[in-house]
C-alpha atoms as a PDB file:
ATOM      1  CA  MET A   1     -13.505   5.295  -0.163  1.00  0.00           C
ATOM      2  CA  LYS A   2     -14.409   7.195   2.965  1.00  0.00           C
ATOM      3  CA  PRO A   3     -11.735   7.638   5.646  1.00  0.00           C
ATOM      4  CA  GLU A   4     -13.794   5.736   8.226  1.00  0.00           C
ATOM      5  CA  GLN A   5     -14.068   2.736   5.871  1.00  0.00           C
ATOM      6  CA  PHE A   6     -10.334   2.846   5.281  1.00  0.00           C
ATOM      7  CA  ASN A   7      -9.595   3.104   9.019  1.00  0.00           C
ATOM      8  CA  ARG A   8     -11.840   0.103   9.716  1.00  0.00           C
ATOM      9  CA  ALA A   9     -10.086  -1.947   7.012  1.00  0.00           C
ATOM     10  CA  VAL A  10      -6.662  -1.042   8.468  1.00  0.00           C
ATOM     11  CA  ALA A  11      -7.752  -1.979  11.999  1.00  0.00           C
ATOM     12  CA  ASP A  12      -9.173  -5.312  10.801  1.00  0.00           C
ATOM     13  CA  HIS A  13      -5.978  -5.932   8.838  1.00  0.00           C
ATOM     14  CA  GLY A  14      -3.878  -5.266  11.944  1.00  0.00           C
ATOM     15  CA  ARG A  15      -5.846  -7.929  13.820  1.00  0.00           C
ATOM     16  CA  TRP A  16      -5.422 -10.294  10.834  1.00  0.00           C
ATOM     17  CA  LEU A  17      -1.644  -9.789  10.897  1.00  0.00           C
ATOM     18  CA  LYS A  18      -1.624 -10.637  14.607  1.00  0.00           C
ATOM     19  CA  ARG A  19      -3.963 -13.597  13.994  1.00  0.00           C
ATOM     20  CA  GLN A  20      -6.476 -12.110  16.393  1.00  0.00           C
ATOM     21  CA  ARG A  21     -10.182 -12.752  16.417  1.00  0.00           C
ATOM     22  CA  GLY A  22     -12.121 -10.577  13.984  1.00  0.00           C
ATOM     23  CA  GLY A  23      -9.090  -9.948  11.828  1.00  0.00           C
ATOM     24  CA  VAL A  24      -9.589  -9.716   8.066  1.00  0.00           C
ATOM     25  CA  ARG A  25      -6.944  -9.237   5.403  1.00  0.00           C
ATOM     26  CA  ALA A  26      -7.315  -5.755   3.892  1.00  0.00           C
ATOM     27  CA  ASN A  27      -8.815  -5.867   0.418  1.00  0.00           C
ATOM     28  CA  LEU A  28      -8.630  -2.362  -0.998  1.00  0.00           C
ATOM     29  CA  THR A  29      -8.681  -3.493  -4.616  1.00  0.00           C
ATOM     30  CA  LEU A  30      -9.634  -0.596  -6.941  1.00  0.00           C
ATOM     31  CA  ALA A  31     -10.203   1.754  -3.978  1.00  0.00           C
ATOM     32  CA  ASN A  32      -9.746   5.476  -4.544  1.00  0.00           C
ATOM     33  CA  LEU A  33      -7.314   6.667  -1.876  1.00  0.00           C
ATOM     34  CA  GLU A  34      -5.873   9.600  -3.817  1.00  0.00           C
ATOM     35  CA  GLY A  35      -4.177  12.092  -1.520  1.00  0.00           C
ATOM     36  CA  PHE A  36      -4.616   9.890   1.584  1.00  0.00           C
ATOM     37  CA  ASN A  37      -1.989   9.919   4.323  1.00  0.00           C
ATOM     38  CA  LEU A  38      -0.877   6.349   4.987  1.00  0.00           C
ATOM     39  CA  ASP A  39       2.332   7.252   6.828  1.00  0.00           C
ATOM     40  CA  GLY A  40       3.645   4.418   9.000  1.00  0.00           C
ATOM     41  CA  ILE A  41       0.659   2.113   8.451  1.00  0.00           C
ATOM     42  CA  ASP A  42       1.298  -1.642   8.386  1.00  0.00           C
ATOM     43  CA  LEU A  43      -0.305  -3.005   5.219  1.00  0.00           C
ATOM     44  CA  ARG A  44       1.875  -6.085   4.794  1.00  0.00           C
ATOM     45  CA  GLU A  45       0.298  -8.588   2.392  1.00  0.00           C
ATOM     46  CA  ALA A  46      -2.716  -6.344   1.742  1.00  0.00           C
ATOM     47  CA  LYS A  47      -4.648  -6.603  -1.517  1.00  0.00           C
ATOM     48  CA  LEU A  48      -4.200  -3.241  -3.231  1.00  0.00           C
ATOM     49  CA  SER A  49      -4.498  -4.190  -6.878  1.00  0.00           C
ATOM     50  CA  GLY A  50      -5.547  -1.202  -8.989  1.00  0.00           C
ATOM     51  CA  VAL A  51      -5.742   1.112  -5.978  1.00  0.00           C
ATOM     52  CA  LYS A  52      -5.480   4.844  -6.684  1.00  0.00           C
ATOM     53  CA  LEU A  53      -2.951   6.391  -4.309  1.00  0.00           C
ATOM     54  CA  ALA A  54      -1.707   9.234  -6.541  1.00  0.00           C
ATOM     55  CA  GLY A  55      -0.382  12.166  -4.560  1.00  0.00           C
ATOM     56  CA  GLY A  56      -0.585  10.273  -1.284  1.00  0.00           C
ATOM     57  CA  SER A  57       1.912  10.082   1.535  1.00  0.00           C
ATOM     58  CA  LEU A  58       3.226   6.622   2.416  1.00  0.00           C
ATOM     59  CA  ILE A  59       6.284   7.621   4.410  1.00  0.00           C
ATOM     60  CA  GLY A  60       7.516   4.607   6.365  1.00  0.00           C
ATOM     61  CA  THR A  61       4.506   2.503   5.335  1.00  0.00           C
ATOM     62  CA  ASN A  62       5.046  -1.266   5.455  1.00  0.00           C
ATOM     63  CA  LEU A  63       3.760  -2.812   2.224  1.00  0.00           C
ATOM     64  CA  ARG A  64       5.941  -5.950   2.295  1.00  0.00           C
ATOM     65  CA  GLY A  65       4.375  -8.660   0.156  1.00  0.00           C
ATOM     66  CA  ALA A  66       1.392  -6.483  -0.813  1.00  0.00           C
ATOM     67  CA  ASP A  67      -0.367  -6.839  -4.155  1.00  0.00           C
ATOM     68  CA  LEU A  68      -0.011  -3.461  -5.886  1.00  0.00           C
ATOM     69  CA  PHE A  69      -0.593  -4.789  -9.400  1.00  0.00           C
ATOM     70  CA  GLY A  70      -1.720  -1.891 -11.604  1.00  0.00           C
ATOM     71  CA  ALA A  71      -1.763   0.554  -8.678  1.00  0.00           C
ATOM     72  CA  ASP A  72      -1.416   4.294  -9.281  1.00  0.00           C
ATOM     73  CA  LEU A  73       1.431   5.550  -7.087  1.00  0.00           C
ATOM     74  CA  SER A  74       2.114   8.646  -9.203  1.00  0.00           C
ATOM     75  CA  THR A  75       3.694  11.466  -7.190  1.00  0.00           C
ATOM     76  CA  CYS A  76       3.436   9.466  -3.944  1.00  0.00           C
ATOM     77  CA  ASP A  77       5.975  10.066  -1.200  1.00  0.00           C
ATOM     78  CA  LEU A  78       7.291   6.586  -0.328  1.00  0.00           C
ATOM     79  CA  ASP A  79      10.330   7.763   1.637  1.00  0.00           C
ATOM     80  CA  GLY A  80      11.416   4.888   3.858  1.00  0.00           C
ATOM     81  CA  ALA A  81       8.515   2.663   2.789  1.00  0.00           C
ATOM     82  CA  VAL A  82       8.984  -1.104   2.742  1.00  0.00           C
ATOM     83  CA  LEU A  83       7.994  -2.475  -0.659  1.00  0.00           C
ATOM     84  CA  ALA A  84      10.057  -5.668  -0.494  1.00  0.00           C
ATOM     85  CA  ASP A  85       8.428  -8.662  -2.181  1.00  0.00           C
ATOM     86  CA  THR A  86       5.562  -6.532  -3.532  1.00  0.00           C
ATOM     87  CA  ASP A  87       3.845  -7.020  -6.864  1.00  0.00           C
ATOM     88  CA  LEU A  88       4.287  -3.690  -8.652  1.00  0.00           C
ATOM     89  CA  ARG A  89       3.700  -5.010 -12.172  1.00  0.00           C
ATOM     90  CA  GLY A  90       1.986  -2.404 -14.308  1.00  0.00           C
ATOM     91  CA  ALA A  91       1.988   0.151 -11.480  1.00  0.00           C
ATOM     92  CA  ARG A  92       2.149   3.854 -12.333  1.00  0.00           C
ATOM     93  CA  LEU A  93       5.209   5.234 -10.595  1.00  0.00           C
ATOM     94  CA  HIS A  94       5.802   8.549 -12.411  1.00  0.00           C
ATOM     95  CA  GLY A  95       7.089  11.201 -10.037  1.00  0.00           C
ATOM     96  CA  ALA A  96       7.004   8.923  -6.982  1.00  0.00           C
ATOM     97  CA  ASN A  97       9.661   9.448  -4.315  1.00  0.00           C
ATOM     98  CA  PHE A  98      11.401   6.177  -3.435  1.00  0.00           C
ATOM     99  CA  VAL A  99      14.251   7.681  -1.380  1.00  0.00           C
ATOM    100  CA  ASN A 100      15.252   5.208   1.360  1.00  0.00           C
ATOM    101  CA  ALA A 101      12.497   2.800   0.230  1.00  0.00           C
ATOM    102  CA  ASN A 102      13.161  -0.944   0.396  1.00  0.00           C
ATOM    103  CA  LEU A 103      12.345  -2.475  -3.003  1.00  0.00           C
ATOM    104  CA  ASN A 104      14.182  -5.788  -2.505  1.00  0.00           C
ATOM    105  CA  HIS A 105      12.666  -8.510  -4.667  1.00  0.00           C
ATOM    106  CA  ALA A 106       9.778  -6.281  -5.768  1.00  0.00           C
ATOM    107  CA  ASP A 107       8.290  -7.369  -9.081  1.00  0.00           C
ATOM    108  CA  MET A 108       8.427  -4.252 -11.263  1.00  0.00           C
ATOM    109  CA  ARG A 109       7.935  -5.776 -14.703  1.00  0.00           C
ATOM    110  CA  ASP A 110       6.013  -3.652 -17.238  1.00  0.00           C
END
């Protein structure tokens, strides 16, 4: 995925969260975002199933209620990220940094 496509999806998602006109829930299913910097971005309830985020930075990112089923978060920096109520089933988490991350009620089966 190109950075401009990602930025557009995040902007549309922000409008969706605020219930503003033109807002669309982010659907980044199977997107390749390896090495992207997502620090501080609000992706609550986004569809991120199977997304490739390996090696990315998600410091302080809000992913509350997001669908991260089968996502690759290997070696990601998730320091201070909010992952409460997320679907992390089958996600690859090897080497990820979860220091200060909120994982309350996250589904981490498999």
